[in-house]
Protein backbone atom coordinates (compact mmCIF):
# COMPACT_ATOMS: atom_id res chain seq x y z
CA MET A 1 -51.49 120.36 145.20
CA ASP A 2 -51.58 118.33 148.43
CA ASP A 3 -49.90 115.05 149.42
CA ALA A 4 -52.61 112.96 147.77
CA ASP A 5 -52.31 114.88 144.51
CA ALA A 6 -48.53 114.49 144.54
CA ALA A 7 -48.83 110.74 145.16
CA ASN A 8 -51.37 110.41 142.34
CA ALA A 9 -49.02 112.27 140.02
CA LEU A 10 -46.19 109.90 140.92
CA THR A 11 -48.37 106.93 140.01
CA GLU A 12 -48.71 108.49 136.57
CA LEU A 13 -44.91 108.26 136.38
CA GLY A 14 -44.99 104.55 137.06
CA LEU A 15 -44.96 104.11 140.85
CA SER A 16 -47.48 101.89 142.61
CA THR A 17 -49.93 103.66 144.91
CA TYR A 18 -48.21 102.54 148.11
CA ALA A 19 -44.75 103.34 146.75
CA ALA A 20 -45.89 106.83 145.75
CA ARG A 21 -47.42 107.50 149.17
CA THR A 22 -44.32 106.13 150.92
CA PHE A 23 -42.02 108.32 148.84
CA VAL A 24 -44.06 111.43 149.67
CA GLY A 25 -43.97 110.49 153.34
CA LEU A 26 -40.20 109.96 153.32
CA GLN A 27 -39.67 113.33 151.68
CA LYS A 28 -41.58 114.89 154.58
CA ILE A 29 -39.86 112.92 157.36
CA GLY A 30 -36.35 112.55 156.01
CA VAL A 31 -35.17 109.29 157.62
CA ALA A 32 -37.78 106.90 159.01
CA SER A 33 -38.61 103.33 159.88
CA ALA A 34 -41.56 101.46 158.40
CA SER A 35 -43.73 102.21 161.42
CA GLU A 36 -42.89 105.93 161.23
CA VAL A 37 -43.76 105.99 157.54
CA ALA A 38 -47.07 104.30 158.31
CA GLN A 39 -47.88 106.96 160.91
CA VAL A 40 -47.66 109.85 158.42
CA THR A 41 -49.05 108.14 155.32
CA GLU A 42 -52.07 106.08 154.32
CA VAL A 43 -49.84 103.04 153.90
CA PRO A 44 -50.26 100.09 156.28
CA ARG A 45 -47.01 99.16 157.98
CA SER A 46 -47.10 95.69 156.39
CA GLN A 47 -47.18 97.34 152.95
CA VAL A 48 -44.36 99.81 153.61
CA TYR A 49 -41.75 97.05 153.18
CA GLY A 50 -42.91 96.15 149.68
CA ALA A 51 -43.19 99.84 148.80
CA THR A 52 -39.64 100.59 149.95
CA ASP A 53 -38.34 97.53 148.06
CA GLU A 54 -39.92 99.00 144.92
CA LEU A 55 -38.44 102.42 145.61
CA GLU A 56 -35.01 100.94 146.33
CA GLU A 57 -35.06 99.01 143.06
CA LEU A 58 -35.76 102.26 141.25
CA GLY A 59 -32.97 104.06 143.09
CA LEU A 60 -35.39 106.36 144.90
CA VAL A 61 -34.53 105.43 148.49
CA ASP A 62 -31.42 104.51 150.47
CA VAL A 63 -31.73 101.72 153.06
CA GLN A 64 -29.94 101.52 156.40
CA GLU A 65 -30.01 97.97 157.72
CA GLY A 66 -30.64 97.61 161.44
CA SER A 67 -33.33 97.03 163.99
CA PRO A 68 -35.44 98.66 162.81
CA THR A 69 -34.45 99.15 159.17
CA ARG A 70 -34.54 102.82 158.26
CA TYR A 71 -35.18 104.48 154.92
CA ARG A 72 -34.21 107.79 153.36
CA ALA A 73 -35.59 109.23 150.11
CA VAL A 74 -33.12 110.53 147.54
CA PRO A 75 -33.22 114.31 146.84
CA VAL A 76 -36.13 115.57 144.77
CA ASP A 77 -33.96 116.62 141.81
CA GLU A 78 -32.37 113.18 141.68
CA ALA A 79 -35.77 111.51 141.89
CA ARG A 80 -37.12 113.74 139.12
CA GLU A 81 -34.27 112.79 136.80
CA LEU A 82 -34.59 109.08 137.58
CA LEU A 83 -38.35 108.99 136.98
CA TYR A 84 -38.18 111.15 133.86
CA ASP A 85 -35.45 108.94 132.38
CA ARG A 86 -37.44 105.82 133.22
CA LEU A 87 -40.60 107.26 131.70
CA GLN A 88 -38.72 108.31 128.57
CA SER A 89 -37.11 104.88 128.22
CA THR A 90 -40.46 103.13 128.65
CA ALA A 91 -42.16 105.43 126.15
CA ASP A 92 -39.34 105.00 123.61
CA ALA A 93 -39.56 101.22 123.90
CA ALA A 94 -43.33 101.29 123.44
CA PHE A 95 -43.21 103.56 120.40
CA ASP A 96 -40.35 101.57 118.86
CA HIS A 97 -42.53 98.48 119.15
CA LEU A 98 -45.50 100.30 117.61
CA GLU A 99 -43.32 101.34 114.67
CA SER A 100 -42.21 97.73 114.19
CA VAL A 101 -45.75 96.30 114.17
CA ARG A 102 -47.48 99.11 112.28
CA GLY A 103 -49.16 97.80 109.15
CA GLN A 104 -48.42 94.12 109.81
CA HIS A 105 -52.08 93.20 109.46
CA THR A 106 -53.68 95.16 106.64
CA PRO A 107 -57.48 94.80 106.29
CA SER A 108 -58.49 92.77 103.25
CA ASP A 109 -61.29 95.14 102.27
CA ASP A 110 -60.85 98.49 100.57
CA ARG A 111 -63.47 100.62 102.32
CA GLU A 112 -63.62 104.36 101.87
CA ALA A 113 -62.28 105.59 105.21
CA ILE A 114 -63.88 108.72 106.65
CA TRP A 115 -62.62 109.69 110.09
CA THR A 116 -63.95 112.03 112.75
CA THR A 117 -62.08 114.16 115.28
CA GLU A 118 -63.69 115.92 118.25
CA GLY A 119 -62.50 119.06 120.08
CA ARG A 120 -60.65 122.13 118.84
CA GLU A 121 -57.26 121.06 120.16
CA ASN A 122 -57.56 117.65 118.48
CA VAL A 123 -58.81 119.16 115.22
CA THR A 124 -55.87 121.57 115.25
CA ALA A 125 -53.45 118.68 115.78
CA ARG A 126 -54.99 116.77 112.87
CA ILE A 127 -54.80 119.82 110.59
CA THR A 128 -51.13 120.46 111.39
CA SER A 129 -50.33 116.79 110.76
CA LEU A 130 -52.12 116.78 107.40
CA VAL A 131 -50.49 120.04 106.33
CA ALA A 132 -47.06 118.62 107.17
CA SER A 133 -47.76 115.73 104.78
CA ALA A 134 -48.51 118.02 101.81
CA ASP A 135 -46.36 117.60 98.70
CA ARG A 136 -47.79 120.13 96.23
CA ARG A 137 -50.57 122.38 97.47
CA VAL A 138 -52.69 123.30 100.46
CA LEU A 139 -55.95 125.20 100.58
CA PHE A 140 -57.09 126.36 104.01
CA ALA A 141 -60.37 128.21 104.49
CA THR A 142 -62.03 129.77 107.52
CA SER A 143 -64.00 132.85 108.47
CA ASN A 144 -62.84 132.81 112.08
CA PRO A 145 -59.52 134.59 112.76
CA ALA A 146 -59.06 132.53 115.93
CA LEU A 147 -58.79 129.38 113.80
CA LEU A 148 -55.78 130.69 111.87
CA THR A 149 -53.34 131.16 114.73
CA GLY A 150 -50.66 129.29 116.63
CA ASP A 151 -49.83 125.80 115.39
CA VAL A 152 -52.04 126.05 112.29
CA ALA A 153 -50.45 129.28 111.10
CA ASP A 154 -46.98 127.86 111.80
CA ALA A 155 -47.75 124.63 109.93
CA LEU A 156 -49.01 126.53 106.88
CA ALA A 157 -45.97 128.82 106.91
CA ASP A 158 -43.62 125.83 107.27
CA ALA A 159 -45.27 124.11 104.32
CA ALA A 160 -44.96 127.25 102.20
CA SER A 161 -41.28 127.54 103.09
CA THR A 162 -40.66 124.08 101.60
CA GLY A 163 -42.20 125.04 98.25
CA VAL A 164 -45.76 123.84 98.82
CA ASP A 165 -48.35 126.13 97.22
CA VAL A 166 -50.35 127.35 100.24
CA THR A 167 -53.53 129.42 99.83
CA VAL A 168 -55.78 130.79 102.56
CA ALA A 169 -59.36 131.52 101.49
CA SER A 170 -61.73 133.59 103.61
CA ALA A 171 -64.62 136.01 103.51
CA ASP A 172 -63.16 137.68 106.61
CA ALA A 173 -60.65 140.49 106.06
CA ALA A 174 -58.94 139.81 109.39
CA VAL A 175 -58.21 136.22 108.34
CA ARG A 176 -56.75 137.36 105.03
CA GLU A 177 -54.65 139.96 106.79
CA ALA A 178 -53.33 137.38 109.24
CA ALA A 179 -52.44 135.11 106.32
CA ASN A 180 -50.58 137.90 104.56
CA ASP A 181 -48.74 138.75 107.78
CA ALA A 182 -47.58 135.13 107.88
CA GLY A 183 -46.31 135.40 104.31
CA LEU A 184 -49.14 133.33 102.86
CA SER A 185 -51.26 133.92 99.78
CA ALA A 186 -54.85 134.88 100.66
CA ILE A 187 -57.97 135.14 98.50
CA ASP A 188 -61.37 136.68 99.18
CA VAL A 189 -64.35 134.33 98.88
CA GLU A 190 -68.06 134.81 99.39
CA ASP A 191 -69.44 133.60 102.73
CA ALA A 192 -72.19 131.65 101.01
CA ALA A 193 -73.62 129.56 103.84
CA PRO A 194 -72.83 130.93 107.30
CA GLU A 195 -75.76 129.05 108.80
CA LEU A 196 -73.77 125.84 108.46
CA SER A 197 -71.26 127.19 110.97
CA VAL A 198 -68.32 125.78 109.05
CA GLY A 199 -65.18 126.13 111.13
CA ARG A 200 -62.30 125.14 108.87
CA VAL A 201 -61.90 123.60 105.44
CA LEU A 202 -58.62 121.96 104.44
CA LEU A 203 -57.64 120.55 101.07
CA ILE A 204 -54.29 118.77 100.63
CA ASP A 205 -52.90 117.75 97.21
CA GLY A 206 -56.34 117.06 95.74
CA ASP A 207 -56.91 113.80 97.61
CA THR A 208 -57.10 114.76 101.29
CA VAL A 209 -59.89 116.85 102.80
CA LEU A 210 -60.97 117.98 106.26
CA LEU A 211 -64.13 119.87 107.12
CA SER A 212 -64.92 121.08 110.63
CA VAL A 213 -68.09 122.56 112.11
CA GLN A 214 -68.75 124.55 115.26
CA PRO A 215 -71.74 124.20 117.60
CA THR A 216 -75.02 125.91 116.77
CA GLU A 217 -78.55 125.75 118.16
CA GLU A 218 -79.35 123.28 115.38
CA MET A 219 -76.37 121.08 116.33
CA PRO A 220 -76.19 121.13 120.16
CA ALA A 221 -74.32 117.81 120.28
CA VAL A 222 -71.31 119.26 118.45
CA ALA A 223 -68.35 119.97 120.72
CA ASP A 224 -66.41 123.22 120.55
CA GLU A 225 -65.32 121.96 117.12
CA SER A 226 -65.85 118.67 115.30
CA ALA A 227 -64.31 117.55 112.04
CA PHE A 228 -64.49 114.73 109.53
CA TRP A 229 -61.61 114.01 107.21
CA SER A 230 -60.47 111.53 104.61
CA GLU A 231 -57.25 110.99 102.66
CA GLY A 232 -56.42 109.04 99.54
CA THR A 233 -59.99 107.89 98.95
CA GLY A 234 -62.44 108.33 96.11
CA PHE A 235 -64.69 110.28 98.45
CA ALA A 236 -61.84 112.64 99.29
CA ARG A 237 -60.98 113.23 95.64
CA VAL A 238 -64.58 114.01 94.72
CA LEU A 239 -65.05 116.36 97.66
CA ALA A 240 -61.68 118.00 96.94
CA ALA A 241 -62.85 118.82 93.41
CA VAL A 242 -66.03 120.39 94.80
CA ILE A 243 -64.08 122.43 97.36
CA ARG A 244 -61.62 123.65 94.74
CA GLN A 245 -64.47 124.88 92.55
CA ALA A 246 -66.10 126.64 95.53
CA PHE A 247 -63.01 128.39 96.84
CA VAL A 248 -60.66 128.93 93.91
């Protein structure tokens, strides 16, 4: 990482571009006037004053009045704590507001919602979230051992520990072995349609389903994994009944 990367990272933490560049420059110089800061950064001298005002307001610089005025950046550890706390406070306020407004405007129609999720990491996050919501039973099916690891395996084990009936179905012995190692019930099923390149199948409480697919030559537009899912809908209940018959 160079100075530009560091400044860009600081903007992600809430600093303006000029303030971020000024702060990086002051860390390099130590104590400096506006003109000295301008000499070592890509900040015009006229903009250094506004940048240092911003940094002072955030507690990130000390100011020594004089002719010229001189500035000193606070230590890195202190700056890290200040910015982290500010970011946390801002995030907490935003999410508190989202919680307060969630569901205020409910659509008047009752459409059957089917959602899509792209990318293995995002599909995994959706699966773990759905598993955590299970009340009675979970059926998870895959023929790829790599798809029953990490967060997914932990989520299934956590659900089982709370009394949820968790079953792993697979035609692959390694998947069933991994499930047993995690303390989960595993059943052997026939790999009836491998050409579909099904990645993972998830059934939650009979009214929530997720089905993912992996890329093939026939589906080049599919990312490393893509999924559609639905919960609490008539479509989900019908598909859940079909899945239960196929796997159990």
